[in-house]
Amino acid sequence: MESLLEKSNVVRQKGRYWRKIRNIVFLVLLFGFFCWGAIKYYYPYEEGIETGKLNYIVYKGLVFKTYEGKLIRTEEKISEETETPSNEFDFSIAKKKIAEQLMLAGGKTVELHYTKYLGALPWRGYSRFVVDDIVSITE
């Protein structure tokens, strides 16, 4: 017969084993959540250039003040049957210097280099499209 002390040691060893498993699973889930957040909010999904007439630039926000803007694309309709995408391009602006240059270019045709992320962060702006450079400004 096993003594009570030997039985309690076996139970203690089983408990340690399951605690190790629990901790490993927790760390793997935590690492996976961290990687998901890094990919969603910091890894660029798309980069490109958007051209159109600059509609407005505003500085808004309650806690995080960011520069936001709207560009009206100058696309022509190909035919009556096809649907055209939205003519508006909403974006956030990465740097104050770029926003100040764009504020002086209201109503002009601009080419903007943007980066698209899978998610928006409040301190980066309300849009997933972040303008990080001005390619050209024309009348």
N, C-alpha and C. Protein backbone atom coordinates (compact mmCIF):
# COMPACT_ATOMS: atom_id res chain seq x y z
N MET A 1 0.82 -1.19 0.00
CA MET A 1 0.00 0.00 0.00
C MET A 1 0.86 1.25 0.00
N GLU A 2 0.35 2.21 -0.74
CA GLU A 2 1.05 3.50 -0.79
C GLU A 2 0.67 4.32 0.43
N SER A 3 1.64 5.05 0.88
CA SER A 3 1.35 5.91 2.00
C SER A 3 0.71 7.20 1.49
N LEU A 4 0.14 7.92 2.39
CA LEU A 4 -0.51 9.18 2.05
C LEU A 4 0.50 10.20 1.51
N LEU A 5 1.71 10.15 2.02
CA LEU A 5 2.77 11.05 1.57
C LEU A 5 3.15 10.78 0.12
N GLU A 6 3.24 9.51 -0.26
CA GLU A 6 3.58 9.16 -1.64
C GLU A 6 2.47 9.58 -2.61
N LYS A 7 1.21 9.43 -2.21
CA LYS A 7 0.08 9.84 -3.04
C LYS A 7 0.09 11.35 -3.26
N SER A 8 0.40 12.12 -2.21
CA SER A 8 0.41 13.57 -2.36
C SER A 8 1.56 14.02 -3.26
N ASN A 9 2.68 13.31 -3.26
CA ASN A 9 3.80 13.65 -4.15
C ASN A 9 3.42 13.41 -5.61
N VAL A 10 2.68 12.33 -5.88
CA VAL A 10 2.24 12.04 -7.24
C VAL A 10 1.28 13.12 -7.72
N VAL A 11 0.36 13.53 -6.88
CA VAL A 11 -0.60 14.57 -7.24
C VAL A 11 0.14 15.89 -7.49
N ARG A 12 1.13 16.19 -6.67
CA ARG A 12 1.91 17.42 -6.83
C ARG A 12 2.67 17.42 -8.16
N GLN A 13 3.23 16.28 -8.53
CA GLN A 13 3.97 16.19 -9.79
C GLN A 13 3.04 16.36 -10.99
N LYS A 14 1.85 15.79 -10.92
CA LYS A 14 0.87 15.97 -12.01
C LYS A 14 0.45 17.43 -12.11
N GLY A 15 0.28 18.10 -10.99
CA GLY A 15 -0.08 19.51 -10.99
C GLY A 15 1.00 20.37 -11.62
N ARG A 16 2.26 20.07 -11.34
CA ARG A 16 3.37 20.82 -11.94
C ARG A 16 3.39 20.63 -13.45
N TYR A 17 3.12 19.41 -13.90
CA TYR A 17 3.11 19.12 -15.33
C TYR A 17 2.04 19.95 -16.04
N TRP A 18 0.83 20.01 -15.50
CA TRP A 18 -0.25 20.76 -16.13
C TRP A 18 -0.02 22.27 -16.05
N ARG A 19 0.63 22.74 -14.99
CA ARG A 19 0.97 24.16 -14.90
C ARG A 19 1.97 24.55 -15.98
N LYS A 20 2.94 23.67 -16.25
CA LYS A 20 3.91 23.94 -17.31
C LYS A 20 3.21 24.00 -18.67
N ILE A 21 2.31 23.06 -18.91
CA ILE A 21 1.55 23.05 -20.17
C ILE A 21 0.74 24.33 -20.30
N ARG A 22 0.05 24.72 -19.22
CA ARG A 22 -0.76 25.93 -19.22
C ARG A 22 0.09 27.16 -19.51
N ASN A 23 1.25 27.26 -18.89
CA ASN A 23 2.13 28.42 -19.10
C ASN A 23 2.66 28.47 -20.52
N ILE A 24 3.01 27.33 -21.08
CA ILE A 24 3.51 27.29 -22.46
C ILE A 24 2.42 27.71 -23.43
N VAL A 25 1.21 27.20 -23.24
CA VAL A 25 0.09 27.58 -24.11
C VAL A 25 -0.19 29.07 -23.98
N PHE A 26 -0.15 29.60 -22.78
CA PHE A 26 -0.37 31.03 -22.57
C PHE A 26 0.68 31.86 -23.30
N LEU A 27 1.95 31.47 -23.21
CA LEU A 27 3.02 32.21 -23.89
C LEU A 27 2.89 32.13 -25.40
N VAL A 28 2.51 30.98 -25.93
CA VAL A 28 2.32 30.84 -27.38
C VAL A 28 1.17 31.73 -27.85
N LEU A 29 0.06 31.74 -27.12
CA LEU A 29 -1.08 32.60 -27.48
C LEU A 29 -0.71 34.08 -27.38
N LEU A 30 0.04 34.45 -26.36
CA LEU A 30 0.47 35.83 -26.19
C LEU A 30 1.39 36.25 -27.35
N PHE A 31 2.31 35.39 -27.73
CA PHE A 31 3.20 35.67 -28.85
C PHE A 31 2.41 35.78 -30.16
N GLY A 32 1.43 34.89 -30.36
CA GLY A 32 0.59 34.94 -31.55
C GLY A 32 -0.23 36.23 -31.61
N PHE A 33 -0.78 36.66 -30.49
CA PHE A 33 -1.54 37.91 -30.43
C PHE A 33 -0.64 39.10 -30.74
N PHE A 34 0.59 39.09 -30.22
CA PHE A 34 1.54 40.16 -30.48
C PHE A 34 1.89 40.21 -31.97
N CYS A 35 2.13 39.07 -32.58
CA CYS A 35 2.46 39.02 -34.02
C CYS A 35 1.28 39.50 -34.86
N TRP A 36 0.06 39.09 -34.51
CA TRP A 36 -1.13 39.52 -35.24
C TRP A 36 -1.27 41.04 -35.19
N GLY A 37 -1.09 41.63 -34.00
CA GLY A 37 -1.19 43.08 -33.86
C GLY A 37 -0.11 43.81 -34.64
N ALA A 38 1.10 43.28 -34.62
CA ALA A 38 2.19 43.91 -35.35
C ALA A 38 1.92 43.89 -36.85
N ILE A 39 1.41 42.78 -37.35
CA ILE A 39 1.11 42.69 -38.78
C ILE A 39 -0.06 43.60 -39.15
N LYS A 40 -1.10 43.59 -38.34
CA LYS A 40 -2.30 44.36 -38.67
C LYS A 40 -2.06 45.87 -38.63
N TYR A 41 -1.31 46.35 -37.64
CA TYR A 41 -1.21 47.79 -37.45
C TYR A 41 0.11 48.42 -37.90
N TYR A 42 1.16 47.62 -38.09
CA TYR A 42 2.45 48.22 -38.42
C TYR A 42 3.07 47.72 -39.72
N TYR A 43 2.60 46.64 -40.27
CA TYR A 43 3.16 46.11 -41.51
C TYR A 43 2.38 46.69 -42.69
N PRO A 44 3.06 47.38 -43.62
CA PRO A 44 2.35 47.99 -44.75
C PRO A 44 1.74 46.92 -45.67
N TYR A 45 0.47 47.09 -45.97
CA TYR A 45 -0.25 46.16 -46.83
C TYR A 45 -0.10 46.55 -48.30
N GLU A 46 -0.05 47.85 -48.56
CA GLU A 46 -0.04 48.34 -49.94
C GLU A 46 0.64 49.71 -49.97
N GLU A 47 1.34 49.99 -51.05
CA GLU A 47 1.92 51.30 -51.28
C GLU A 47 1.58 51.73 -52.69
N GLY A 48 1.36 53.03 -52.88
CA GLY A 48 1.02 53.49 -54.22
C GLY A 48 0.95 55.00 -54.30
N ILE A 49 0.53 55.46 -55.47
CA ILE A 49 0.39 56.89 -55.73
C ILE A 49 -1.05 57.15 -56.16
N GLU A 50 -1.64 58.14 -55.57
CA GLU A 50 -3.02 58.53 -55.88
C GLU A 50 -3.00 59.95 -56.43
N THR A 51 -3.74 60.16 -57.53
CA THR A 51 -3.79 61.46 -58.18
C THR A 51 -5.22 61.99 -58.17
N GLY A 52 -5.35 63.28 -57.94
CA GLY A 52 -6.67 63.90 -57.98
C GLY A 52 -6.61 65.33 -57.50
N LYS A 53 -7.79 65.93 -57.42
CA LYS A 53 -7.90 67.31 -56.98
C LYS A 53 -8.08 67.30 -55.46
N LEU A 54 -7.26 68.08 -54.77
CA LEU A 54 -7.31 68.13 -53.32
C LEU A 54 -8.56 68.88 -52.87
N ASN A 55 -9.37 68.22 -52.07
CA ASN A 55 -10.61 68.81 -51.59
C ASN A 55 -10.38 69.59 -50.30
N TYR A 56 -9.88 68.92 -49.27
CA TYR A 56 -9.61 69.63 -48.02
C TYR A 56 -8.60 68.88 -47.16
N ILE A 57 -8.02 69.62 -46.23
CA ILE A 57 -7.14 69.08 -45.19
C ILE A 57 -7.64 69.66 -43.87
N VAL A 58 -7.83 68.80 -42.86
CA VAL A 58 -8.27 69.26 -41.55
C VAL A 58 -7.38 68.67 -40.47
N TYR A 59 -7.33 69.36 -39.35
CA TYR A 59 -6.60 68.92 -38.16
C TYR A 59 -7.65 68.61 -37.11
N LYS A 60 -7.88 67.32 -36.83
CA LYS A 60 -8.99 66.99 -35.95
C LYS A 60 -8.63 65.87 -34.99
N GLY A 61 -9.48 65.72 -33.98
CA GLY A 61 -9.33 64.67 -33.00
C GLY A 61 -9.57 65.18 -31.60
N LEU A 62 -10.06 64.31 -30.73
CA LEU A 62 -10.27 64.69 -29.34
C LEU A 62 -9.01 64.50 -28.51
N VAL A 63 -8.48 63.30 -28.51
CA VAL A 63 -7.29 63.00 -27.74
C VAL A 63 -6.05 63.06 -28.62
N PHE A 64 -6.11 62.36 -29.74
CA PHE A 64 -5.00 62.34 -30.68
C PHE A 64 -5.34 63.24 -31.87
N LYS A 65 -4.68 64.36 -31.99
CA LYS A 65 -4.91 65.30 -33.10
C LYS A 65 -4.12 64.82 -34.31
N THR A 66 -4.81 64.60 -35.42
CA THR A 66 -4.15 64.16 -36.64
C THR A 66 -4.65 64.99 -37.82
N TYR A 67 -3.86 65.01 -38.86
CA TYR A 67 -4.24 65.69 -40.10
C TYR A 67 -4.95 64.68 -41.00
N GLU A 68 -6.13 65.04 -41.45
CA GLU A 68 -6.93 64.20 -42.33
C GLU A 68 -7.24 64.97 -43.60
N GLY A 69 -7.39 64.27 -44.70
CA GLY A 69 -7.67 64.95 -45.96
C GLY A 69 -8.54 64.13 -46.88
N LYS A 70 -9.00 64.79 -47.93
CA LYS A 70 -9.83 64.13 -48.93
C LYS A 70 -9.36 64.58 -50.31
N LEU A 71 -9.25 63.62 -51.20
CA LEU A 71 -8.83 63.85 -52.57
C LEU A 71 -9.96 63.39 -53.48
N ILE A 72 -10.31 64.20 -54.47
CA ILE A 72 -11.33 63.82 -55.44
C ILE A 72 -10.61 63.32 -56.69
N ARG A 73 -10.79 62.05 -56.98
CA ARG A 73 -10.13 61.47 -58.14
C ARG A 73 -10.72 62.01 -59.43
N THR A 74 -9.89 62.15 -60.42
CA THR A 74 -10.34 62.65 -61.73
C THR A 74 -10.35 61.49 -62.71
N GLU A 75 -11.29 60.58 -62.52
CA GLU A 75 -11.43 59.42 -63.39
C GLU A 75 -12.57 59.66 -64.37
N GLU A 76 -12.42 59.12 -65.55
CA GLU A 76 -13.49 59.22 -66.54
C GLU A 76 -14.26 57.91 -66.55
N LYS A 77 -15.56 58.01 -66.76
CA LYS A 77 -16.39 56.82 -66.82
C LYS A 77 -16.19 56.15 -68.17
N ILE A 78 -15.92 54.85 -68.13
CA ILE A 78 -15.62 54.12 -69.37
C ILE A 78 -16.89 53.89 -70.18
N SER A 79 -17.91 53.37 -69.54
CA SER A 79 -19.18 53.17 -70.23
C SER A 79 -20.30 53.28 -69.22
N GLU A 80 -21.52 53.28 -69.71
CA GLU A 80 -22.68 53.42 -68.82
C GLU A 80 -22.94 52.15 -68.01
N GLU A 81 -22.55 50.98 -68.54
CA GLU A 81 -22.85 49.72 -67.85
C GLU A 81 -21.91 49.44 -66.69
N THR A 82 -20.67 49.89 -66.78
CA THR A 82 -19.70 49.56 -65.74
C THR A 82 -19.85 50.49 -64.56
N GLU A 83 -19.60 49.93 -63.39
CA GLU A 83 -19.65 50.74 -62.18
C GLU A 83 -18.27 51.33 -61.94
N THR A 84 -18.23 52.59 -61.56
CA THR A 84 -16.96 53.22 -61.24
C THR A 84 -16.78 53.20 -59.73
N PRO A 85 -15.55 53.05 -59.28
CA PRO A 85 -15.32 53.09 -57.84
C PRO A 85 -15.57 54.50 -57.30
N SER A 86 -15.59 54.61 -56.00
CA SER A 86 -15.82 55.91 -55.37
C SER A 86 -14.77 56.91 -55.82
N ASN A 87 -15.19 58.12 -56.07
CA ASN A 87 -14.27 59.16 -56.53
C ASN A 87 -13.54 59.84 -55.39
N GLU A 88 -13.82 59.47 -54.16
CA GLU A 88 -13.19 60.12 -53.02
C GLU A 88 -12.10 59.22 -52.44
N PHE A 89 -11.02 59.83 -52.03
CA PHE A 89 -9.91 59.12 -51.41
C PHE A 89 -9.63 59.81 -50.08
N ASP A 90 -10.06 59.20 -48.98
CA ASP A 90 -9.82 59.74 -47.64
C ASP A 90 -8.48 59.22 -47.13
N PHE A 91 -7.71 60.11 -46.51
CA PHE A 91 -6.39 59.71 -46.05
C PHE A 91 -5.99 60.49 -44.80
N SER A 92 -5.01 59.94 -44.11
CA SER A 92 -4.36 60.62 -42.99
C SER A 92 -2.98 61.04 -43.45
N ILE A 93 -2.41 62.01 -42.76
CA ILE A 93 -1.11 62.53 -43.16
C ILE A 93 -0.11 62.24 -42.05
N ALA A 94 1.06 61.73 -42.45
CA ALA A 94 2.05 61.28 -41.48
C ALA A 94 2.81 62.42 -40.82
N LYS A 95 3.13 63.47 -41.57
CA LYS A 95 3.99 64.52 -41.04
C LYS A 95 3.33 65.90 -41.16
N LYS A 96 3.62 66.75 -40.19
CA LYS A 96 3.05 68.09 -40.17
C LYS A 96 3.53 68.91 -41.37
N LYS A 97 4.78 68.72 -41.78
CA LYS A 97 5.35 69.46 -42.91
C LYS A 97 4.56 69.17 -44.20
N ILE A 98 4.21 67.92 -44.41
CA ILE A 98 3.43 67.54 -45.60
C ILE A 98 2.04 68.15 -45.53
N ALA A 99 1.43 68.13 -44.34
CA ALA A 99 0.09 68.70 -44.17
C ALA A 99 0.10 70.20 -44.46
N GLU A 100 1.12 70.90 -44.01
CA GLU A 100 1.19 72.35 -44.26
C GLU A 100 1.35 72.65 -45.75
N GLN A 101 2.13 71.83 -46.46
CA GLN A 101 2.27 72.02 -47.91
C GLN A 101 0.94 71.77 -48.62
N LEU A 102 0.21 70.74 -48.18
CA LEU A 102 -1.07 70.42 -48.80
C LEU A 102 -2.14 71.46 -48.48
N MET A 103 -2.06 72.09 -47.32
CA MET A 103 -3.03 73.14 -46.98
C MET A 103 -2.93 74.32 -47.93
N LEU A 104 -1.75 74.56 -48.44
CA LEU A 104 -1.55 75.65 -49.40
C LEU A 104 -1.93 75.24 -50.82
N ALA A 105 -2.19 73.95 -51.05
CA ALA A 105 -2.48 73.45 -52.39
C ALA A 105 -3.95 73.09 -52.57
N GLY A 106 -4.84 73.66 -51.80
CA GLY A 106 -6.26 73.36 -51.91
C GLY A 106 -6.82 73.65 -53.29
N GLY A 107 -7.51 72.70 -53.89
CA GLY A 107 -8.10 72.88 -55.20
C GLY A 107 -7.16 72.55 -56.35
N LYS A 108 -5.92 72.28 -56.07
CA LYS A 108 -4.97 71.93 -57.12
C LYS A 108 -4.91 70.42 -57.30
N THR A 109 -4.36 70.00 -58.44
CA THR A 109 -4.18 68.58 -58.70
C THR A 109 -2.88 68.13 -58.05
N VAL A 110 -2.96 67.09 -57.23
CA VAL A 110 -1.79 66.60 -56.51
C VAL A 110 -1.61 65.11 -56.74
N GLU A 111 -0.37 64.67 -56.66
CA GLU A 111 -0.03 63.25 -56.66
C GLU A 111 0.57 62.95 -55.30
N LEU A 112 -0.03 62.01 -54.59
CA LEU A 112 0.39 61.69 -53.23
C LEU A 112 0.85 60.24 -53.15
N HIS A 113 1.98 60.02 -52.49
CA HIS A 113 2.43 58.65 -52.22
C HIS A 113 1.82 58.24 -50.89
N TYR A 114 1.19 57.07 -50.85
CA TYR A 114 0.52 56.61 -49.63
C TYR A 114 0.95 55.20 -49.28
N THR A 115 0.72 54.84 -48.03
CA THR A 115 0.92 53.49 -47.52
C THR A 115 -0.40 53.07 -46.89
N LYS A 116 -0.86 51.86 -47.24
CA LYS A 116 -2.10 51.35 -46.67
C LYS A 116 -1.77 50.26 -45.66
N TYR A 117 -2.39 50.36 -44.49
CA TYR A 117 -2.24 49.37 -43.44
C TYR A 117 -3.55 48.61 -43.29
N LEU A 118 -3.51 47.45 -42.66
CA LEU A 118 -4.73 46.65 -42.47
C LEU A 118 -5.63 47.25 -41.38
N GLY A 119 -5.07 48.05 -40.50
CA GLY A 119 -5.86 48.67 -39.45
C GLY A 119 -5.38 50.08 -39.16
N ALA A 120 -6.25 50.90 -38.61
CA ALA A 120 -5.91 52.29 -38.29
C ALA A 120 -5.63 52.41 -36.80
N LEU A 121 -4.62 53.21 -36.47
CA LEU A 121 -4.30 53.51 -35.08
C LEU A 121 -4.70 54.95 -34.79
N PRO A 122 -5.22 55.24 -33.60
CA PRO A 122 -5.71 56.59 -33.32
C PRO A 122 -4.63 57.67 -33.42
N TRP A 123 -3.41 57.37 -33.05
CA TRP A 123 -2.35 58.39 -33.11
C TRP A 123 -1.75 58.53 -34.50
N ARG A 124 -2.10 57.61 -35.41
CA ARG A 124 -1.63 57.71 -36.78
C ARG A 124 -2.68 58.33 -37.69
N GLY A 125 -3.94 58.28 -37.29
CA GLY A 125 -5.01 58.88 -38.08
C GLY A 125 -6.21 57.97 -38.13
N TYR A 126 -7.30 58.51 -38.67
CA TYR A 126 -8.56 57.76 -38.72
C TYR A 126 -8.63 56.82 -39.92
N SER A 127 -7.79 57.04 -40.89
CA SER A 127 -7.83 56.26 -42.12
C SER A 127 -6.72 55.21 -42.14
N ARG A 128 -6.95 54.14 -42.90
CA ARG A 128 -5.91 53.14 -43.08
C ARG A 128 -4.90 53.58 -44.14
N PHE A 129 -5.23 54.64 -44.89
CA PHE A 129 -4.33 55.19 -45.90
C PHE A 129 -3.56 56.35 -45.27
N VAL A 130 -2.24 56.24 -45.25
CA VAL A 130 -1.39 57.27 -44.65
C VAL A 130 -0.49 57.85 -45.74
N VAL A 131 -0.66 59.15 -46.00
CA VAL A 131 0.17 59.85 -46.99
C VAL A 131 1.50 60.20 -46.35
N ASP A 132 2.59 59.78 -46.99
CA ASP A 132 3.91 60.03 -46.43
C ASP A 132 4.82 60.85 -47.35
N ASP A 133 4.32 61.24 -48.54
CA ASP A 133 5.13 62.05 -49.43
C ASP A 133 4.25 62.70 -50.50
N ILE A 134 4.69 63.87 -50.97
CA ILE A 134 4.02 64.55 -52.07
C ILE A 134 4.88 64.34 -53.31
N VAL A 135 4.29 63.75 -54.35
CA VAL A 135 5.03 63.52 -55.59
C VAL A 135 5.04 64.79 -56.43
N SER A 136 3.86 65.39 -56.66
CA SER A 136 3.82 66.64 -57.41
C SER A 136 2.54 67.40 -57.10
N ILE A 137 2.61 68.70 -57.32
CA ILE A 137 1.45 69.60 -57.19
C ILE A 137 1.39 70.43 -58.46
N THR A 138 0.25 70.35 -59.17
CA THR A 138 0.07 71.14 -60.40
C THR A 138 -1.25 71.89 -60.35
N GLU A 139 -1.39 72.89 -61.17
CA GLU A 139 -2.62 73.68 -61.23
C GLU A 139 -3.76 72.91 -61.79
